[in-house]
Amino acid sequence: MYTLAKPRQMGEIVTLLPKPVTVFDPVVRLKVDMSDPQISEFDVPPHFTNIQHGLQMARRFLGTQDTPNRRIILITDGLPTAHFDEQFLYLLYPPHRRTEEATLREAKLCQREGIQINIFLLPSWSQSSEDVQFAYRLAESTAGKVFFTAGRDLDRYVVWDYWKRRRDIIS
């Protein structure tokens, strides 16, 4: 998930790297009409964080799965900076209230469908209390959790939480 979310194969995840910054303005307020056939994903700056779009895609995918354990594991370093409103893609930096609200609305849709969001909040040089507060609001809206970890410990948290919450299915 970057400015736009898209499905990835399991093996690809470990090879993904942050997208290079292409807009260096201290304030960015871009609105892109993604229904315009002249515009593709290659025409928009790639380095924004669109958690809303990632949650939407995960919710739709989980909606087709016949499983009682529906969770989204979100690995991020902070606030979202991109969101959709109908066909318009908004790229807003510094992070804006509208993007946070759009992301929380998508989390509510996940919650209504019984999907829990667990967030692994990775430390970054720019992380602030707002990043942490947003992670808690997002996770709590779906009865999820926030985990604080460095990247190299991420696998331990996932396994520990799985074993701690694992339930046996009888019959």
C-alpha atoms as a PDB file:
ATOM      1  CA  MET A   1       0.000   0.000   0.000  1.00  0.00           C
ATOM      2  CA  TYR A   2       1.394   3.323  -1.068  1.00  0.00           C
ATOM      3  CA  THR A   3      -0.614   6.131  -2.651  1.00  0.00           C
ATOM      4  CA  LEU A   4      -2.726   3.336  -4.114  1.00  0.00           C
ATOM      5  CA  ALA A   5      -3.195  -0.127  -2.667  1.00  0.00           C
ATOM      6  CA  LYS A   6      -2.922  -3.221  -4.790  1.00  0.00           C
ATOM      7  CA  PRO A   7      -2.812  -6.956  -4.148  1.00  0.00           C
ATOM      8  CA  ARG A   8       0.599  -8.533  -3.717  1.00  0.00           C
ATOM      9  CA  GLN A   9       1.712 -12.130  -3.618  1.00  0.00           C
ATOM     10  CA  MET A  10       2.880 -13.336  -0.219  1.00  0.00           C
ATOM     11  CA  GLY A  11       6.510 -13.681  -1.338  1.00  0.00           C
ATOM     12  CA  GLU A  12       6.620 -10.097  -2.637  1.00  0.00           C
ATOM     13  CA  ILE A  13       5.948  -8.477   0.724  1.00  0.00           C
ATOM     14  CA  VAL A  14       9.492  -8.898   2.059  1.00  0.00           C
ATOM     15  CA  THR A  15      10.941  -7.256  -1.042  1.00  0.00           C
ATOM     16  CA  LEU A  16       8.800  -4.108  -0.933  1.00  0.00           C
ATOM     17  CA  LEU A  17      10.577  -0.871  -0.145  1.00  0.00           C
ATOM     18  CA  PRO A  18       9.296   2.646   0.500  1.00  0.00           C
ATOM     19  CA  LYS A  19       8.584   4.618  -2.638  1.00  0.00           C
ATOM     20  CA  PRO A  20      10.946   7.524  -3.290  1.00  0.00           C
ATOM     21  CA  VAL A  21       9.665  10.961  -2.385  1.00  0.00           C
ATOM     22  CA  THR A  22       8.806  12.888  -5.539  1.00  0.00           C
ATOM     23  CA  VAL A  23       7.124  15.979  -4.094  1.00  0.00           C
ATOM     24  CA  PHE A  24       9.274  18.056  -1.761  1.00  0.00           C
ATOM     25  CA  ASP A  25       6.865  20.881  -0.939  1.00  0.00           C
ATOM     26  CA  PRO A  26       6.278  21.308   2.815  1.00  0.00           C
ATOM     27  CA  VAL A  27       2.519  21.422   2.168  1.00  0.00           C
ATOM     28  CA  VAL A  28       0.851  19.234  -0.453  1.00  0.00           C
ATOM     29  CA  ARG A  29      -2.849  19.501  -1.327  1.00  0.00           C
ATOM     30  CA  LEU A  30      -3.463  17.528  -4.519  1.00  0.00           C
ATOM     31  CA  LYS A  31      -6.787  16.277  -5.896  1.00  0.00           C
ATOM     32  CA  VAL A  32      -6.699  13.783  -8.773  1.00  0.00           C
ATOM     33  CA  ASP A  33      -9.725  12.584 -10.735  1.00  0.00           C
ATOM     34  CA  MET A  34      -8.908   8.882 -11.079  1.00  0.00           C
ATOM     35  CA  SER A  35     -11.913   8.370 -13.398  1.00  0.00           C
ATOM     36  CA  ASP A  36     -10.101  10.401 -16.062  1.00  0.00           C
ATOM     37  CA  PRO A  37      -8.884   7.858 -18.645  1.00  0.00           C
ATOM     38  CA  GLN A  38      -5.819  10.039 -19.264  1.00  0.00           C
ATOM     39  CA  ILE A  39      -4.608   9.483 -15.684  1.00  0.00           C
ATOM     40  CA  SER A  40      -3.039   6.258 -14.441  1.00  0.00           C
ATOM     41  CA  GLU A  41      -1.326   5.282 -11.203  1.00  0.00           C
ATOM     42  CA  PHE A  42       1.965   6.293 -12.811  1.00  0.00           C
ATOM     43  CA  ASP A  43       0.789   9.904 -13.035  1.00  0.00           C
ATOM     44  CA  VAL A  44       0.395  10.394  -9.278  1.00  0.00           C
ATOM     45  CA  PRO A  45       3.175  10.682  -6.702  1.00  0.00           C
ATOM     46  CA  PRO A  46       3.697   7.163  -5.289  1.00  0.00           C
ATOM     47  CA  HIS A  47       5.021   7.897  -1.809  1.00  0.00           C
ATOM     48  CA  PHE A  48       1.830   8.855   0.054  1.00  0.00           C
ATOM     49  CA  THR A  49       0.134   6.447   2.498  1.00  0.00           C
ATOM     50  CA  ASN A  50      -3.410   5.415   1.609  1.00  0.00           C
ATOM     51  CA  ILE A  51      -4.530   3.258   4.531  1.00  0.00           C
ATOM     52  CA  GLN A  52      -8.177   3.762   3.560  1.00  0.00           C
ATOM     53  CA  HIS A  53      -7.641   2.120   0.168  1.00  0.00           C
ATOM     54  CA  GLY A  54      -5.674  -0.739   1.737  1.00  0.00           C
ATOM     55  CA  LEU A  55      -8.431  -1.401   4.279  1.00  0.00           C
ATOM     56  CA  GLN A  56     -11.072  -1.253   1.544  1.00  0.00           C
ATOM     57  CA  MET A  57      -9.264  -3.830  -0.578  1.00  0.00           C
ATOM     58  CA  ALA A  58      -8.675  -6.102   2.431  1.00  0.00           C
ATOM     59  CA  ARG A  59     -12.332  -5.794   3.491  1.00  0.00           C
ATOM     60  CA  ARG A  60     -13.525  -6.769   0.019  1.00  0.00           C
ATOM     61  CA  PHE A  61     -11.115  -9.707  -0.106  1.00  0.00           C
ATOM     62  CA  LEU A  62     -12.123 -10.955   3.361  1.00  0.00           C
ATOM     63  CA  GLY A  63     -15.784 -10.569   2.412  1.00  0.00           C
ATOM     64  CA  THR A  64     -15.334 -13.411  -0.074  1.00  0.00           C
ATOM     65  CA  GLN A  65     -13.620 -15.716   2.438  1.00  0.00           C
ATOM     66  CA  ASP A  66     -15.506 -18.282   4.469  1.00  0.00           C
ATOM     67  CA  THR A  67     -13.571 -18.031   7.701  1.00  0.00           C
ATOM     68  CA  PRO A  68     -14.496 -17.088  11.264  1.00  0.00           C
ATOM     69  CA  ASN A  69     -11.179 -15.323  11.919  1.00  0.00           C
ATOM     70  CA  ARG A  70     -11.198 -12.173   9.809  1.00  0.00           C
ATOM     71  CA  ARG A  71      -8.329  -9.838  10.624  1.00  0.00           C
ATOM     72  CA  ILE A  72      -6.353  -7.204   8.876  1.00  0.00           C
ATOM     73  CA  ILE A  73      -2.749  -6.789   9.941  1.00  0.00           C
ATOM     74  CA  LEU A  74      -1.660  -3.247   9.145  1.00  0.00           C
ATOM     75  CA  ILE A  75       2.031  -2.411   9.335  1.00  0.00           C
ATOM     76  CA  THR A  76       2.623   1.329   9.250  1.00  0.00           C
ATOM     77  CA  ASP A  77       4.709   4.097  10.737  1.00  0.00           C
ATOM     78  CA  GLY A  78       1.935   6.606  11.237  1.00  0.00           C
ATOM     79  CA  LEU A  79      -0.821   8.741   9.833  1.00  0.00           C
ATOM     80  CA  PRO A  80      -2.353   8.298   6.387  1.00  0.00           C
ATOM     81  CA  THR A  81      -1.680  11.013   3.819  1.00  0.00           C
ATOM     82  CA  ALA A  82      -3.977   9.893   0.981  1.00  0.00           C
ATOM     83  CA  HIS A  83      -7.602   8.873   0.619  1.00  0.00           C
ATOM     84  CA  PHE A  84     -10.396   8.482  -1.892  1.00  0.00           C
ATOM     85  CA  ASP A  85     -13.646  10.400  -1.949  1.00  0.00           C
ATOM     86  CA  GLU A  86     -15.646   8.848  -4.776  1.00  0.00           C
ATOM     87  CA  GLN A  87     -13.406   8.974  -7.866  1.00  0.00           C
ATOM     88  CA  PHE A  88     -11.138  11.657  -6.446  1.00  0.00           C
ATOM     89  CA  LEU A  89      -7.811  10.765  -4.877  1.00  0.00           C
ATOM     90  CA  TYR A  90      -6.608  13.301  -2.319  1.00  0.00           C
ATOM     91  CA  LEU A  91      -2.922  13.583  -1.458  1.00  0.00           C
ATOM     92  CA  LEU A  92      -2.596  15.692   1.669  1.00  0.00           C
ATOM     93  CA  TYR A  93       0.621  16.432   3.532  1.00  0.00           C
ATOM     94  CA  PRO A  94       1.018  17.162   6.350  1.00  0.00           C
ATOM     95  CA  PRO A  95      -1.664  14.630   7.289  1.00  0.00           C
ATOM     96  CA  HIS A  96      -5.140  16.120   7.208  1.00  0.00           C
ATOM     97  CA  ARG A  97      -8.284  15.503   9.277  1.00  0.00           C
ATOM     98  CA  ARG A  98     -10.255  14.584   6.114  1.00  0.00           C
ATOM     99  CA  THR A  99      -7.896  11.702   5.358  1.00  0.00           C
ATOM    100  CA  GLU A 100      -8.085  10.439   8.921  1.00  0.00           C
ATOM    101  CA  GLU A 101     -11.895  10.608   8.860  1.00  0.00           C
ATOM    102  CA  ALA A 102     -12.089   8.728   5.536  1.00  0.00           C
ATOM    103  CA  THR A 103      -9.790   6.036   6.929  1.00  0.00           C
ATOM    104  CA  LEU A 104     -11.819   5.696  10.132  1.00  0.00           C
ATOM    105  CA  ARG A 105     -15.036   5.393   8.072  1.00  0.00           C
ATOM    106  CA  GLU A 106     -13.492   2.473   6.203  1.00  0.00           C
ATOM    107  CA  ALA A 107     -12.486   0.907   9.538  1.00  0.00           C
ATOM    108  CA  LYS A 108     -16.112   1.155  10.672  1.00  0.00           C
ATOM    109  CA  LEU A 109     -17.158  -0.771   7.554  1.00  0.00           C
ATOM    110  CA  CYS A 110     -14.602  -3.424   8.509  1.00  0.00           C
ATOM    111  CA  GLN A 111     -16.014  -3.531  12.040  1.00  0.00           C
ATOM    112  CA  ARG A 112     -19.582  -3.961  10.746  1.00  0.00           C
ATOM    113  CA  GLU A 113     -18.403  -6.973   8.748  1.00  0.00           C
ATOM    114  CA  GLY A 114     -16.695  -8.509  11.782  1.00  0.00           C
ATOM    115  CA  ILE A 115     -13.167  -7.685  10.655  1.00  0.00           C
ATOM    116  CA  GLN A 116     -10.626  -6.773  13.310  1.00  0.00           C
ATOM    117  CA  ILE A 117      -7.688  -4.469  12.517  1.00  0.00           C
ATOM    118  CA  ASN A 118      -4.412  -5.038  14.341  1.00  0.00           C
ATOM    119  CA  ILE A 119      -1.769  -2.397  13.813  1.00  0.00           C
ATOM    120  CA  PHE A 120       1.974  -2.820  14.064  1.00  0.00           C
ATOM    121  CA  LEU A 121       3.318   0.684  14.516  1.00  0.00           C
ATOM    122  CA  LEU A 122       6.926   0.862  13.410  1.00  0.00           C
ATOM    123  CA  PRO A 123       9.086   3.646  14.776  1.00  0.00           C
ATOM    124  CA  SER A 124      10.180   6.418  12.432  1.00  0.00           C
ATOM    125  CA  TRP A 125      12.134   9.635  12.763  1.00  0.00           C
ATOM    126  CA  SER A 126       8.995  11.714  12.258  1.00  0.00           C
ATOM    127  CA  GLN A 127       6.597   9.766  14.481  1.00  0.00           C
ATOM    128  CA  SER A 128       4.547  11.891  16.858  1.00  0.00           C
ATOM    129  CA  SER A 129       1.882  11.411  19.493  1.00  0.00           C
ATOM    130  CA  GLU A 130      -0.707  12.025  16.746  1.00  0.00           C
ATOM    131  CA  ASP A 131       0.539   8.920  14.916  1.00  0.00           C
ATOM    132  CA  VAL A 132       0.154   6.818  18.055  1.00  0.00           C
ATOM    133  CA  GLN A 133      -3.281   8.252  18.892  1.00  0.00           C
ATOM    134  CA  PHE A 134      -4.519   7.593  15.358  1.00  0.00           C
ATOM    135  CA  ALA A 135      -3.298   3.979  15.512  1.00  0.00           C
ATOM    136  CA  TYR A 136      -5.225   3.458  18.746  1.00  0.00           C
ATOM    137  CA  ARG A 137      -8.402   5.040  17.351  1.00  0.00           C
ATOM    138  CA  LEU A 138      -8.190   2.886  14.229  1.00  0.00           C
ATOM    139  CA  ALA A 139      -7.533  -0.375  16.094  1.00  0.00           C
ATOM    140  CA  GLU A 140     -10.065   0.276  18.858  1.00  0.00           C
ATOM    141  CA  SER A 141     -12.813   0.998  16.335  1.00  0.00           C
ATOM    142  CA  THR A 142     -12.639  -2.709  15.386  1.00  0.00           C
ATOM    143  CA  ALA A 143     -11.664  -4.195  18.789  1.00  0.00           C
ATOM    144  CA  GLY A 144      -8.137  -4.580  17.446  1.00  0.00           C
ATOM    145  CA  LYS A 145      -4.775  -3.899  19.053  1.00  0.00           C
ATOM    146  CA  VAL A 146      -1.740  -1.729  18.493  1.00  0.00           C
ATOM    147  CA  PHE A 147       1.705  -3.276  18.766  1.00  0.00           C
ATOM    148  CA  PHE A 148       4.872  -1.219  19.065  1.00  0.00           C
ATOM    149  CA  THR A 149       7.880  -2.970  17.630  1.00  0.00           C
ATOM    150  CA  ALA A 150      10.994  -2.602  15.556  1.00  0.00           C
ATOM    151  CA  GLY A 151      10.775  -4.350  12.189  1.00  0.00           C
ATOM    152  CA  ARG A 152      13.008  -7.243  13.170  1.00  0.00           C
ATOM    153  CA  ASP A 153      10.660  -8.294  16.025  1.00  0.00           C
ATOM    154  CA  LEU A 154       7.463  -8.211  13.988  1.00  0.00           C
ATOM    155  CA  ASP A 155       7.311 -11.961  13.385  1.00  0.00           C
ATOM    156  CA  ARG A 156       7.468 -12.713  17.115  1.00  0.00           C
ATOM    157  CA  TYR A 157       4.465 -10.514  17.867  1.00  0.00           C
ATOM    158  CA  VAL A 158       2.369 -12.097  15.144  1.00  0.00           C
ATOM    159  CA  VAL A 159       3.143 -15.636  16.315  1.00  0.00           C
ATOM    160  CA  TRP A 160       2.657 -14.818  20.013  1.00  0.00           C
ATOM    161  CA  ASP A 161      -0.702 -13.187  19.395  1.00  0.00           C
ATOM    162  CA  TYR A 162      -1.825 -16.099  17.213  1.00  0.00           C
ATOM    163  CA  TRP A 163      -0.960 -18.719  19.851  1.00  0.00           C
ATOM    164  CA  LYS A 164      -2.416 -16.648  22.672  1.00  0.00           C
ATOM    165  CA  ARG A 165      -5.777 -16.227  20.910  1.00  0.00           C
ATOM    166  CA  ARG A 166      -5.923 -19.582  19.128  1.00  0.00           C
ATOM    167  CA  ARG A 167      -9.120 -21.565  19.683  1.00  0.00           C
ATOM    168  CA  ASP A 168      -9.788 -25.178  18.912  1.00  0.00           C
ATOM    169  CA  ILE A 169     -12.752 -25.894  16.653  1.00  0.00           C
ATOM    170  CA  ILE A 170     -14.697 -28.921  17.732  1.00  0.00           C
ATOM    171  CA  SER A 171     -16.883 -30.688  15.203  1.00  0.00           C
END
